[in-house]
PDB file of all heavy atoms in Angstrom:
ATOM      1  N   MET A   1      -3.758  21.936  -3.813  1.00  0.00           N
ATOM      2  CA  MET A   1      -2.581  22.176  -3.045  1.00  0.00           C
ATOM      3  C   MET A   1      -1.574  20.990  -3.205  1.00  0.00           C
ATOM      4  O   MET A   1      -0.417  21.141  -3.322  1.00  0.00           O
ATOM      5  CB  MET A   1      -2.925  22.376  -1.589  1.00  0.00           C
ATOM      6  CG  MET A   1      -3.910  23.567  -1.363  1.00  0.00           C
ATOM      7  SD  MET A   1      -3.225  25.114  -1.835  1.00  0.00           S
ATOM      8  CE  MET A   1      -1.967  25.340  -0.527  1.00  0.00           C
ATOM      9  N   LEU A   2      -2.213  19.696  -3.146  1.00  0.00           N
ATOM     10  CA  LEU A   2      -1.339  18.538  -3.162  1.00  0.00           C
ATOM     11  C   LEU A   2      -0.697  18.397  -4.537  1.00  0.00           C
ATOM     12  O   LEU A   2       0.408  17.782  -4.667  1.00  0.00           O
ATOM     13  CB  LEU A   2      -2.197  17.330  -2.819  1.00  0.00           C
ATOM     14  CG  LEU A   2      -2.723  17.329  -1.373  1.00  0.00           C
ATOM     15  CD1 LEU A   2      -3.571  16.111  -1.186  1.00  0.00           C
ATOM     16  CD2 LEU A   2      -1.549  17.311  -0.370  1.00  0.00           C
ATOM     17  N   SER A   3      -1.405  18.831  -5.641  1.00  0.00           N
ATOM     18  CA  SER A   3      -0.761  18.759  -6.956  1.00  0.00           C
ATOM     19  C   SER A   3       0.471  19.601  -6.997  1.00  0.00           C
ATOM     20  O   SER A   3       1.482  19.208  -7.603  1.00  0.00           O
ATOM     21  CB  SER A   3      -1.723  19.223  -8.042  1.00  0.00           C
ATOM     22  OG  SER A   3      -2.818  18.261  -8.112  1.00  0.00           O
ATOM     23  N   HIS A   4       0.442  20.800  -6.414  1.00  0.00           N
ATOM     24  CA  HIS A   4       1.616  21.663  -6.360  1.00  0.00           C
ATOM     25  C   HIS A   4       2.722  21.021  -5.508  1.00  0.00           C
ATOM     26  O   HIS A   4       3.882  21.040  -5.906  1.00  0.00           O
ATOM     27  CB  HIS A   4       1.236  23.035  -5.760  1.00  0.00           C
ATOM     28  CG  HIS A   4       0.423  23.875  -6.657  1.00  0.00           C
ATOM     29  ND1 HIS A   4       0.839  24.314  -7.921  1.00  0.00           N
ATOM     30  CD2 HIS A   4      -0.866  24.410  -6.504  1.00  0.00           C
ATOM     31  CE1 HIS A   4      -0.098  25.016  -8.507  1.00  0.00           C
ATOM     32  NE2 HIS A   4      -1.163  25.076  -7.634  1.00  0.00           N
ATOM     33  N   LEU A   5       2.351  20.386  -4.402  1.00  0.00           N
ATOM     34  CA  LEU A   5       3.310  19.732  -3.517  1.00  0.00           C
ATOM     35  C   LEU A   5       3.974  18.619  -4.259  1.00  0.00           C
ATOM     36  O   LEU A   5       5.240  18.465  -4.125  1.00  0.00           O
ATOM     37  CB  LEU A   5       2.602  19.256  -2.289  1.00  0.00           C
ATOM     38  CG  LEU A   5       3.521  18.439  -1.276  1.00  0.00           C
ATOM     39  CD1 LEU A   5       4.647  19.260  -0.760  1.00  0.00           C
ATOM     40  CD2 LEU A   5       2.712  17.839  -0.079  1.00  0.00           C
ATOM     41  N   ALA A   6       3.241  17.807  -4.973  1.00  0.00           N
ATOM     42  CA  ALA A   6       3.821  16.687  -5.707  1.00  0.00           C
ATOM     43  C   ALA A   6       4.835  17.180  -6.806  1.00  0.00           C
ATOM     44  O   ALA A   6       5.857  16.533  -6.996  1.00  0.00           O
ATOM     45  CB  ALA A   6       2.693  15.862  -6.430  1.00  0.00           C
ATOM     46  N   LYS A   7       4.420  18.266  -7.431  1.00  0.00           N
ATOM     47  CA  LYS A   7       5.365  18.835  -8.449  1.00  0.00           C
ATOM     48  C   LYS A   7       6.628  19.329  -7.863  1.00  0.00           C
ATOM     49  O   LYS A   7       7.743  19.115  -8.391  1.00  0.00           O
ATOM     50  CB  LYS A   7       4.628  19.931  -9.167  1.00  0.00           C
ATOM     51  CG  LYS A   7       5.344  20.557 -10.373  1.00  0.00           C
ATOM     52  CD  LYS A   7       4.501  21.516 -11.154  1.00  0.00           C
ATOM     53  CE  LYS A   7       5.270  22.054 -12.398  1.00  0.00           C
ATOM     54  NZ  LYS A   7       4.445  23.027 -13.129  1.00  0.00           N
ATOM     55  N   VAL A   8       6.526  20.043  -6.756  1.00  0.00           N
ATOM     56  CA  VAL A   8       7.764  20.625  -6.137  1.00  0.00           C
ATOM     57  C   VAL A   8       8.604  19.613  -5.402  1.00  0.00           C
ATOM     58  O   VAL A   8       9.822  19.606  -5.578  1.00  0.00           O
ATOM     59  CB  VAL A   8       7.316  21.731  -5.094  1.00  0.00           C
ATOM     60  CG1 VAL A   8       8.469  22.221  -4.287  1.00  0.00           C
ATOM     61  CG2 VAL A   8       6.673  22.840  -5.821  1.00  0.00           C
ATOM     62  N   SER A   9       7.953  18.632  -4.719  1.00  0.00           N
ATOM     63  CA  SER A   9       8.722  17.664  -3.950  1.00  0.00           C
ATOM     64  C   SER A   9       9.060  16.391  -4.687  1.00  0.00           C
ATOM     65  O   SER A   9       9.872  15.567  -4.290  1.00  0.00           O
ATOM     66  CB  SER A   9       7.918  17.284  -2.657  1.00  0.00           C
ATOM     67  OG  SER A   9       6.723  16.619  -2.968  1.00  0.00           O
ATOM     68  N   ASN A  10       8.384  16.189  -5.763  1.00  0.00           N
ATOM     69  CA  ASN A  10       8.511  14.921  -6.539  1.00  0.00           C
ATOM     70  C   ASN A  10       8.130  13.711  -5.689  1.00  0.00           C
ATOM     71  O   ASN A  10       8.816  12.641  -5.757  1.00  0.00           O
ATOM     72  CB  ASN A  10       9.853  14.754  -7.118  1.00  0.00           C
ATOM     73  CG  ASN A  10       9.845  13.805  -8.358  1.00  0.00           C
ATOM     74  OD1 ASN A  10       8.812  13.642  -9.083  1.00  0.00           O
ATOM     75  ND2 ASN A  10      10.950  13.086  -8.627  1.00  0.00           N
ATOM     76  N   SER A  11       7.188  13.894  -4.765  1.00  0.00           N
ATOM     77  CA  SER A  11       6.701  12.781  -3.996  1.00  0.00           C
ATOM     78  C   SER A  11       5.428  12.194  -4.585  1.00  0.00           C
ATOM     79  O   SER A  11       4.700  12.827  -5.249  1.00  0.00           O
ATOM     80  CB  SER A  11       6.351  13.312  -2.543  1.00  0.00           C
ATOM     81  OG  SER A  11       7.494  13.921  -1.929  1.00  0.00           O
ATOM     82  N   GLY A  12       5.194  10.853  -4.238  1.00  0.00           N
ATOM     83  CA  GLY A  12       3.944  10.278  -4.615  1.00  0.00           C
ATOM     84  C   GLY A  12       2.911  10.552  -3.531  1.00  0.00           C
ATOM     85  O   GLY A  12       3.146  10.177  -2.365  1.00  0.00           O
ATOM     86  N   ILE A  13       1.768  11.140  -3.888  1.00  0.00           N
ATOM     87  CA  ILE A  13       0.900  11.560  -2.844  1.00  0.00           C
ATOM     88  C   ILE A  13      -0.517  10.918  -3.115  1.00  0.00           C
ATOM     89  O   ILE A  13      -1.013  10.936  -4.276  1.00  0.00           O
ATOM     90  CB  ILE A  13       0.722  13.111  -2.809  1.00  0.00           C
ATOM     91  CG1 ILE A  13       2.027  13.769  -2.481  1.00  0.00           C
ATOM     92  CG2 ILE A  13      -0.363  13.568  -1.845  1.00  0.00           C
ATOM     93  CD1 ILE A  13       2.089  15.227  -2.518  1.00  0.00           C
ATOM     94  N   THR A  14      -1.124  10.406  -2.067  1.00  0.00           N
ATOM     95  CA  THR A  14      -2.496   9.891  -2.178  1.00  0.00           C
ATOM     96  C   THR A  14      -3.345  10.368  -1.025  1.00  0.00           C
ATOM     97  O   THR A  14      -2.747  10.678   0.087  1.00  0.00           O
ATOM     98  CB  THR A  14      -2.566   8.332  -2.153  1.00  0.00           C
ATOM     99  OG1 THR A  14      -1.955   7.840  -0.991  1.00  0.00           O
ATOM    100  CG2 THR A  14      -1.793   7.775  -3.378  1.00  0.00           C
ATOM    101  N   VAL A  15      -4.611  10.378  -1.183  1.00  0.00           N
ATOM    102  CA  VAL A  15      -5.586  10.691  -0.116  1.00  0.00           C
ATOM    103  C   VAL A  15      -6.568   9.504   0.080  1.00  0.00           C
ATOM    104  O   VAL A  15      -7.156   9.122  -0.983  1.00  0.00           O
ATOM    105  CB  VAL A  15      -6.339  11.932  -0.400  1.00  0.00           C
ATOM    106  CG1 VAL A  15      -7.446  12.233   0.686  1.00  0.00           C
ATOM    107  CG2 VAL A  15      -5.398  13.196  -0.466  1.00  0.00           C
ATOM    108  N   PHE A  16      -6.746   9.057   1.252  1.00  0.00           N
ATOM    109  CA  PHE A  16      -7.668   7.948   1.520  1.00  0.00           C
ATOM    110  C   PHE A  16      -8.937   8.455   2.232  1.00  0.00           C
ATOM    111  O   PHE A  16      -8.802   9.185   3.229  1.00  0.00           O
ATOM    112  CB  PHE A  16      -6.965   6.913   2.369  1.00  0.00           C
ATOM    113  CG  PHE A  16      -7.816   5.590   2.580  1.00  0.00           C
ATOM    114  CD1 PHE A  16      -7.813   4.587   1.559  1.00  0.00           C
ATOM    115  CD2 PHE A  16      -8.482   5.370   3.709  1.00  0.00           C
ATOM    116  CE1 PHE A  16      -8.542   3.427   1.721  1.00  0.00           C
ATOM    117  CE2 PHE A  16      -9.295   4.228   3.835  1.00  0.00           C
ATOM    118  CZ  PHE A  16      -9.334   3.328   2.902  1.00  0.00           C
ATOM    119  N   ASP A  17     -10.093   8.053   1.729  1.00  0.00           N
ATOM    120  CA  ASP A  17     -11.359   8.474   2.331  1.00  0.00           C
ATOM    121  C   ASP A  17     -11.811   7.374   3.208  1.00  0.00           C
ATOM    122  O   ASP A  17     -12.173   6.263   2.816  1.00  0.00           O
ATOM    123  CB  ASP A  17     -12.378   8.689   1.179  1.00  0.00           C
ATOM    124  CG  ASP A  17     -13.684   9.229   1.671  1.00  0.00           C
ATOM    125  OD1 ASP A  17     -14.001   9.024   2.873  1.00  0.00           O
ATOM    126  OD2 ASP A  17     -14.406   9.905   0.875  1.00  0.00           O
ATOM    127  N   MET A  18     -11.868   7.634   4.592  1.00  0.00           N
ATOM    128  CA  MET A  18     -12.242   6.585   5.581  1.00  0.00           C
ATOM    129  C   MET A  18     -13.745   6.271   5.394  1.00  0.00           C
ATOM    130  O   MET A  18     -14.139   5.138   5.822  1.00  0.00           O
ATOM    131  CB  MET A  18     -11.895   7.085   6.964  1.00  0.00           C
ATOM    132  CG  MET A  18     -10.467   7.288   7.194  1.00  0.00           C
ATOM    133  SD  MET A  18      -9.494   5.835   7.490  1.00  0.00           S
ATOM    134  CE  MET A  18      -9.779   5.639   9.270  1.00  0.00           C
ATOM    135  N   TYR A  19     -14.505   7.156   4.945  1.00  0.00           N
ATOM    136  CA  TYR A  19     -15.945   7.001   4.749  1.00  0.00           C
ATOM    137  C   TYR A  19     -16.159   5.989   3.551  1.00  0.00           C
ATOM    138  O   TYR A  19     -16.887   4.976   3.718  1.00  0.00           O
ATOM    139  CB  TYR A  19     -16.638   8.244   4.543  1.00  0.00           C
ATOM    140  CG  TYR A  19     -18.068   8.149   4.084  1.00  0.00           C
ATOM    141  CD1 TYR A  19     -19.052   7.469   4.869  1.00  0.00           C
ATOM    142  CD2 TYR A  19     -18.478   8.591   2.873  1.00  0.00           C
ATOM    143  CE1 TYR A  19     -20.372   7.354   4.448  1.00  0.00           C
ATOM    144  CE2 TYR A  19     -19.822   8.510   2.438  1.00  0.00           C
ATOM    145  CZ  TYR A  19     -20.750   7.816   3.189  1.00  0.00           C
ATOM    146  OH  TYR A  19     -22.031   7.705   2.788  1.00  0.00           O
ATOM    147  N   GLN A  20     -15.563   6.278   2.431  1.00  0.00           N
ATOM    148  CA  GLN A  20     -15.775   5.433   1.256  1.00  0.00           C
ATOM    149  C   GLN A  20     -14.792   4.277   1.242  1.00  0.00           C
ATOM    150  O   GLN A  20     -14.982   3.330   0.446  1.00  0.00           O
ATOM    151  CB  GLN A  20     -15.483   6.310  -0.032  1.00  0.00           C
ATOM    152  CG  GLN A  20     -16.450   7.450  -0.234  1.00  0.00           C
ATOM    153  CD  GLN A  20     -16.227   8.107  -1.542  1.00  0.00           C
ATOM    154  OE1 GLN A  20     -16.313   7.464  -2.622  1.00  0.00           O
ATOM    155  NE2 GLN A  20     -15.969   9.398  -1.546  1.00  0.00           N
ATOM    156  N   GLN A  21     -13.835   4.298   2.160  1.00  0.00           N
ATOM    157  CA  GLN A  21     -12.833   3.268   2.273  1.00  0.00           C
ATOM    158  C   GLN A  21     -12.131   2.995   0.923  1.00  0.00           C
ATOM    159  O   GLN A  21     -11.952   1.827   0.565  1.00  0.00           O
ATOM    160  CB  GLN A  21     -13.458   1.925   2.794  1.00  0.00           C
ATOM    161  CG  GLN A  21     -13.978   2.087   4.222  1.00  0.00           C
ATOM    162  CD  GLN A  21     -14.439   0.777   4.838  1.00  0.00           C
ATOM    163  OE1 GLN A  21     -13.920  -0.269   4.530  1.00  0.00           O
ATOM    164  NE2 GLN A  21     -15.337   0.833   5.731  1.00  0.00           N
ATOM    165  N   LYS A  22     -11.678   4.074   0.375  1.00  0.00           N
ATOM    166  CA  LYS A  22     -10.940   4.002  -0.895  1.00  0.00           C
ATOM    167  C   LYS A  22     -10.118   5.271  -1.102  1.00  0.00           C
ATOM    168  O   LYS A  22     -10.372   6.270  -0.498  1.00  0.00           O
ATOM    169  CB  LYS A  22     -11.875   3.738  -2.100  1.00  0.00           C
ATOM    170  CG  LYS A  22     -12.706   4.927  -2.397  1.00  0.00           C
ATOM    171  CD  LYS A  22     -13.501   4.680  -3.686  1.00  0.00           C
ATOM    172  CE  LYS A  22     -14.365   5.834  -4.100  1.00  0.00           C
ATOM    173  NZ  LYS A  22     -15.127   5.626  -5.356  1.00  0.00           N
ATOM    174  N   HIS A  23      -9.113   5.104  -1.962  1.00  0.00           N
ATOM    175  CA  HIS A  23      -8.229   6.302  -2.330  1.00  0.00           C
ATOM    176  C   HIS A  23      -9.124   7.209  -3.181  1.00  0.00           C
ATOM    177  O   HIS A  23      -9.619   6.743  -4.239  1.00  0.00           O
ATOM    178  CB  HIS A  23      -6.946   5.898  -2.938  1.00  0.00           C
ATOM    179  CG  HIS A  23      -6.040   5.308  -2.043  1.00  0.00           C
ATOM    180  ND1 HIS A  23      -6.013   3.982  -1.697  1.00  0.00           N
ATOM    181  CD2 HIS A  23      -4.982   5.839  -1.269  1.00  0.00           C
ATOM    182  CE1 HIS A  23      -5.044   3.712  -0.808  1.00  0.00           C
ATOM    183  NE2 HIS A  23      -4.460   4.807  -0.552  1.00  0.00           N
ATOM    184  N   VAL A  24      -9.137   8.454  -2.882  1.00  0.00           N
ATOM    185  CA  VAL A  24      -9.965   9.426  -3.693  1.00  0.00           C
ATOM    186  C   VAL A  24      -9.058  10.482  -4.398  1.00  0.00           C
ATOM    187  O   VAL A  24      -9.592  11.296  -5.113  1.00  0.00           O
ATOM    188  CB  VAL A  24     -10.994  10.185  -2.838  1.00  0.00           C
ATOM    189  CG1 VAL A  24     -12.039   9.204  -2.427  1.00  0.00           C
ATOM    190  CG2 VAL A  24     -10.330  10.807  -1.590  1.00  0.00           C
ATOM    191  N   TYR A  25      -7.689  10.308  -4.206  1.00  0.00           N
ATOM    192  CA  TYR A  25      -6.794  11.203  -4.936  1.00  0.00           C
ATOM    193  C   TYR A  25      -5.470  10.541  -5.044  1.00  0.00           C
ATOM    194  O   TYR A  25      -4.927   9.881  -4.127  1.00  0.00           O
ATOM    195  CB  TYR A  25      -6.610  12.558  -4.240  1.00  0.00           C
ATOM    196  CG  TYR A  25      -5.465  13.369  -4.802  1.00  0.00           C
ATOM    197  CD1 TYR A  25      -5.703  14.130  -5.958  1.00  0.00           C
ATOM    198  CD2 TYR A  25      -4.236  13.381  -4.222  1.00  0.00           C
ATOM    199  CE1 TYR A  25      -4.651  14.840  -6.544  1.00  0.00           C
ATOM    200  CE2 TYR A  25      -3.195  14.142  -4.789  1.00  0.00           C
ATOM    201  CZ  TYR A  25      -3.394  14.869  -5.928  1.00  0.00           C
ATOM    202  OH  TYR A  25      -2.402  15.574  -6.497  1.00  0.00           O
ATOM    203  N   THR A  26      -4.872  10.556  -6.224  1.00  0.00           N
ATOM    204  CA  THR A  26      -3.500  10.090  -6.509  1.00  0.00           C
ATOM    205  C   THR A  26      -2.803  11.115  -7.329  1.00  0.00           C
ATOM    206  O   THR A  26      -3.341  11.590  -8.324  1.00  0.00           O
ATOM    207  CB  THR A  26      -3.518   8.732  -7.236  1.00  0.00           C
ATOM    208  OG1 THR A  26      -4.280   7.781  -6.540  1.00  0.00           O
ATOM    209  CG2 THR A  26      -2.160   8.217  -7.395  1.00  0.00           C
ATOM    210  N   SER A  27      -1.654  11.543  -6.850  1.00  0.00           N
ATOM    211  CA  SER A  27      -0.951  12.623  -7.590  1.00  0.00           C
ATOM    212  C   SER A  27      -0.605  12.132  -9.006  1.00  0.00           C
ATOM    213  O   SER A  27      -0.377  11.037  -9.334  1.00  0.00           O
ATOM    214  CB  SER A  27       0.359  13.044  -6.774  1.00  0.00           C
ATOM    215  OG  SER A  27       1.202  11.915  -6.641  1.00  0.00           O
ATOM    216  N   PHE A  28      -0.379  13.153  -9.915  1.00  0.00           N
ATOM    217  CA  PHE A  28      -0.153  12.832 -11.267  1.00  0.00           C
ATOM    218  C   PHE A  28       1.124  12.117 -11.567  1.00  0.00           C
ATOM    219  O   PHE A  28       1.281  11.412 -12.533  1.00  0.00           O
ATOM    220  CB  PHE A  28      -0.119  14.213 -12.124  1.00  0.00           C
ATOM    221  CG  PHE A  28       1.079  15.045 -11.725  1.00  0.00           C
ATOM    222  CD1 PHE A  28       2.236  14.977 -12.433  1.00  0.00           C
ATOM    223  CD2 PHE A  28       1.008  15.870 -10.618  1.00  0.00           C
ATOM    224  CE1 PHE A  28       3.394  15.750 -12.093  1.00  0.00           C
ATOM    225  CE2 PHE A  28       2.108  16.698 -10.291  1.00  0.00           C
ATOM    226  CZ  PHE A  28       3.285  16.665 -11.001  1.00  0.00           C
ATOM    227  N   ASN A  29       2.053  12.273 -10.638  1.00  0.00           N
ATOM    228  CA  ASN A  29       3.388  11.645 -10.883  1.00  0.00           C
ATOM    229  C   ASN A  29       3.575  10.312 -10.143  1.00  0.00           C
ATOM    230  O   ASN A  29       4.620   9.705 -10.301  1.00  0.00           O
ATOM    231  CB  ASN A  29       4.447  12.585 -10.313  1.00  0.00           C
ATOM    232  CG  ASN A  29       4.312  12.853  -8.838  1.00  0.00           C
ATOM    233  OD1 ASN A  29       3.219  12.731  -8.270  1.00  0.00           O
ATOM    234  ND2 ASN A  29       5.346  13.363  -8.194  1.00  0.00           N
ATOM    235  N   PHE A  30       2.549   9.774  -9.541  1.00  0.00           N
ATOM    236  CA  PHE A  30       2.684   8.564  -8.741  1.00  0.00           C
ATOM    237  C   PHE A  30       3.063   7.361  -9.650  1.00  0.00           C
ATOM    238  O   PHE A  30       3.928   6.626  -9.317  1.00  0.00           O
ATOM    239  CB  PHE A  30       1.319   8.307  -8.009  1.00  0.00           C
ATOM    240  CG  PHE A  30       1.441   7.294  -6.901  1.00  0.00           C
ATOM    241  CD1 PHE A  30       1.486   7.721  -5.613  1.00  0.00           C
ATOM    242  CD2 PHE A  30       1.507   5.937  -7.121  1.00  0.00           C
ATOM    243  CE1 PHE A  30       1.660   6.870  -4.544  1.00  0.00           C
ATOM    244  CE2 PHE A  30       1.678   5.021  -6.092  1.00  0.00           C
ATOM    245  CZ  PHE A  30       1.751   5.475  -4.806  1.00  0.00           C
ATOM    246  N   GLY A  31       2.335   7.258 -10.758  1.00  0.00           N
ATOM    247  CA  GLY A  31       2.631   6.101 -11.605  1.00  0.00           C
ATOM    248  C   GLY A  31       4.031   6.083 -12.184  1.00  0.00           C
ATOM    249  O   GLY A  31       4.695   5.039 -12.261  1.00  0.00           O
ATOM    250  N   GLY A  32       4.582   7.310 -12.527  1.00  0.00           N
ATOM    251  CA  GLY A  32       5.947   7.393 -13.060  1.00  0.00           C
ATOM    252  C   GLY A  32       6.941   7.030 -11.959  1.00  0.00           C
ATOM    253  O   GLY A  32       8.060   6.446 -12.374  1.00  0.00           O
ATOM    254  N   LEU A  33       6.634   7.319 -10.732  1.00  0.00           N
ATOM    255  CA  LEU A  33       7.615   7.019  -9.687  1.00  0.00           C
ATOM    256  C   LEU A  33       7.552   5.515  -9.210  1.00  0.00           C
ATOM    257  O   LEU A  33       8.487   4.876  -8.978  1.00  0.00           O
ATOM    258  CB  LEU A  33       7.359   7.945  -8.497  1.00  0.00           C
ATOM    259  CG  LEU A  33       7.699   9.419  -8.719  1.00  0.00           C
ATOM    260  CD1 LEU A  33       7.120  10.239  -7.504  1.00  0.00           C
ATOM    261  CD2 LEU A  33       9.165   9.655  -8.787  1.00  0.00           C
ATOM    262  N   PHE A  34       6.264   5.084  -8.930  1.00  0.00           N
ATOM    263  CA  PHE A  34       6.154   3.872  -8.208  1.00  0.00           C
ATOM    264  C   PHE A  34       5.220   2.797  -8.964  1.00  0.00           C
ATOM    265  O   PHE A  34       4.929   1.753  -8.413  1.00  0.00           O
ATOM    266  CB  PHE A  34       5.509   4.077  -6.838  1.00  0.00           C
ATOM    267  CG  PHE A  34       6.298   5.094  -6.072  1.00  0.00           C
ATOM    268  CD1 PHE A  34       5.863   6.309  -5.744  1.00  0.00           C
ATOM    269  CD2 PHE A  34       7.595   4.750  -5.589  1.00  0.00           C
ATOM    270  CE1 PHE A  34       6.590   7.256  -4.956  1.00  0.00           C
ATOM    271  CE2 PHE A  34       8.404   5.586  -4.838  1.00  0.00           C
ATOM    272  CZ  PHE A  34       7.872   6.885  -4.518  1.00  0.00           C
ATOM    273  N   GLY A  35       4.853   3.175 -10.181  1.00  0.00           N
ATOM    274  CA  GLY A  35       3.918   2.241 -10.939  1.00  0.00           C
ATOM    275  C   GLY A  35       2.477   2.632 -10.657  1.00  0.00           C
ATOM    276  O   GLY A  35       2.102   3.284  -9.698  1.00  0.00           O
ATOM    277  N   ASP A  36       1.650   2.164 -11.579  1.00  0.00           N
ATOM    278  CA  ASP A  36       0.219   2.512 -11.554  1.00  0.00           C
ATOM    279  C   ASP A  36      -0.478   1.742 -10.375  1.00  0.00           C
ATOM    280  O   ASP A  36      -0.438   0.468 -10.293  1.00  0.00           O
ATOM    281  CB  ASP A  36      -0.501   2.161 -12.819  1.00  0.00           C
ATOM    282  CG  ASP A  36      -0.060   3.041 -13.993  1.00  0.00           C
ATOM    283  OD1 ASP A  36       0.253   4.226 -13.707  1.00  0.00           O
ATOM    284  OD2 ASP A  36       0.051   2.614 -15.108  1.00  0.00           O
ATOM    285  N   CYS A  37      -1.086   2.463  -9.480  1.00  0.00           N
ATOM    286  CA  CYS A  37      -1.743   1.842  -8.329  1.00  0.00           C
ATOM    287  C   CYS A  37      -3.048   2.634  -7.953  1.00  0.00           C
ATOM    288  O   CYS A  37      -3.043   3.556  -7.258  1.00  0.00           O
ATOM    289  CB  CYS A  37      -0.813   1.855  -7.104  1.00  0.00           C
ATOM    290  SG  CYS A  37       0.766   1.112  -7.300  1.00  0.00           S
ATOM    291  N   GLU A  38      -4.113   2.289  -8.678  1.00  0.00           N
ATOM    292  CA  GLU A  38      -5.326   3.013  -8.499  1.00  0.00           C
ATOM    293  C   GLU A  38      -5.845   2.888  -7.088  1.00  0.00           C
ATOM    294  O   GLU A  38      -6.444   3.908  -6.604  1.00  0.00           O
ATOM    295  CB  GLU A  38      -6.380   2.505  -9.489  1.00  0.00           C
ATOM    296  CG  GLU A  38      -6.119   2.803 -10.950  1.00  0.00           C
ATOM    297  CD  GLU A  38      -7.198   2.353 -11.830  1.00  0.00           C
ATOM    298  OE1 GLU A  38      -8.231   1.916 -11.309  1.00  0.00           O
ATOM    299  OE2 GLU A  38      -7.095   2.523 -13.098  1.00  0.00           O
ATOM    300  N   GLU A  39      -5.651   1.799  -6.409  1.00  0.00           N
ATOM    301  CA  GLU A  39      -6.159   1.610  -5.045  1.00  0.00           C
ATOM    302  C   GLU A  39      -5.059   1.485  -4.062  1.00  0.00           C
ATOM    303  O   GLU A  39      -5.082   0.690  -3.144  1.00  0.00           O
ATOM    304  CB  GLU A  39      -7.063   0.341  -4.934  1.00  0.00           C
ATOM    305  CG  GLU A  39      -8.351   0.542  -5.660  1.00  0.00           C
ATOM    306  CD  GLU A  39      -9.233   1.690  -5.012  1.00  0.00           C
ATOM    307  OE1 GLU A  39      -9.193   1.795  -3.750  1.00  0.00           O
ATOM    308  OE2 GLU A  39      -9.835   2.436  -5.744  1.00  0.00           O
ATOM    309  N   GLY A  40      -4.038   2.365  -4.229  1.00  0.00           N
ATOM    310  CA  GLY A  40      -2.910   2.287  -3.277  1.00  0.00           C
ATOM    311  C   GLY A  40      -1.800   1.448  -3.758  1.00  0.00           C
ATOM    312  O   GLY A  40      -1.679   1.101  -4.921  1.00  0.00           O
ATOM    313  N   ILE A  41      -0.882   1.035  -2.858  1.00  0.00           N
ATOM    314  CA  ILE A  41       0.337   0.357  -3.249  1.00  0.00           C
ATOM    315  C   ILE A  41       0.445  -1.009  -2.683  1.00  0.00           C
ATOM    316  O   ILE A  41       1.543  -1.645  -2.862  1.00  0.00           O
ATOM    317  CB  ILE A  41       1.530   1.215  -2.746  1.00  0.00           C
ATOM    318  CG1 ILE A  41       1.558   1.389  -1.284  1.00  0.00           C
ATOM    319  CG2 ILE A  41       1.612   2.581  -3.460  1.00  0.00           C
ATOM    320  CD1 ILE A  41       2.795   1.930  -0.732  1.00  0.00           C
ATOM    321  N   ASP A  42      -0.575  -1.521  -2.037  1.00  0.00           N
ATOM    322  CA  ASP A  42      -0.458  -2.844  -1.428  1.00  0.00           C
ATOM    323  C   ASP A  42       0.036  -3.961  -2.404  1.00  0.00           C
ATOM    324  O   ASP A  42       0.815  -4.807  -2.070  1.00  0.00           O
ATOM    325  CB  ASP A  42      -1.839  -3.306  -0.811  1.00  0.00           C
ATOM    326  CG  ASP A  42      -2.077  -2.599   0.492  1.00  0.00           C
ATOM    327  OD1 ASP A  42      -1.200  -1.765   0.889  1.00  0.00           O
ATOM    328  OD2 ASP A  42      -3.163  -2.809   1.081  1.00  0.00           O
ATOM    329  N   GLU A  43      -0.514  -3.867  -3.668  1.00  0.00           N
ATOM    330  CA  GLU A  43      -0.147  -4.944  -4.629  1.00  0.00           C
ATOM    331  C   GLU A  43       1.311  -4.826  -5.076  1.00  0.00           C
ATOM    332  O   GLU A  43       1.869  -5.698  -5.698  1.00  0.00           O
ATOM    333  CB  GLU A  43      -1.046  -4.817  -5.876  1.00  0.00           C
ATOM    334  CG  GLU A  43      -0.861  -3.556  -6.679  1.00  0.00           C
ATOM    335  CD  GLU A  43      -1.741  -2.413  -6.253  1.00  0.00           C
ATOM    336  OE1 GLU A  43      -2.208  -2.464  -5.042  1.00  0.00           O
ATOM    337  OE2 GLU A  43      -2.011  -1.481  -7.095  1.00  0.00           O
ATOM    338  N   ARG A  44       2.055  -3.679  -4.725  1.00  0.00           N
ATOM    339  CA  ARG A  44       3.473  -3.462  -5.093  1.00  0.00           C
ATOM    340  C   ARG A  44       4.404  -3.670  -3.950  1.00  0.00           C
ATOM    341  O   ARG A  44       5.597  -3.582  -4.096  1.00  0.00           O
ATOM    342  CB  ARG A  44       3.593  -2.115  -5.766  1.00  0.00           C
ATOM    343  CG  ARG A  44       2.611  -1.855  -6.897  1.00  0.00           C
ATOM    344  CD  ARG A  44       3.002  -0.581  -7.696  1.00  0.00           C
ATOM    345  NE  ARG A  44       4.204  -0.845  -8.571  1.00  0.00           N
ATOM    346  CZ  ARG A  44       4.014  -1.347  -9.764  1.00  0.00           C
ATOM    347  NH1 ARG A  44       2.964  -1.605 -10.261  1.00  0.00           N
ATOM    348  NH2 ARG A  44       5.199  -1.560 -10.545  1.00  0.00           N
ATOM    349  N   VAL A  45       3.813  -3.834  -2.747  1.00  0.00           N
ATOM    350  CA  VAL A  45       4.713  -4.012  -1.593  1.00  0.00           C
ATOM    351  C   VAL A  45       5.366  -5.298  -1.603  1.00  0.00           C
ATOM    352  O   VAL A  45       4.831  -6.333  -2.077  1.00  0.00           O
ATOM    353  CB  VAL A  45       3.839  -3.933  -0.288  1.00  0.00           C
ATOM    354  CG1 VAL A  45       4.697  -4.270   0.974  1.00  0.00           C
ATOM    355  CG2 VAL A  45       3.280  -2.525  -0.073  1.00  0.00           C
TER     356      VAL A  45
END
């Protein structure tokens, strides 16, 4: 569902897993919009 949302809205979308304490999903377009951030965007803030 989120892949479709990212395509339609052109938003960068991520999902964070509170149990694993890491991002478990990053939308396909995130890198093109905001740069590659495997573990979120803190390093780019």
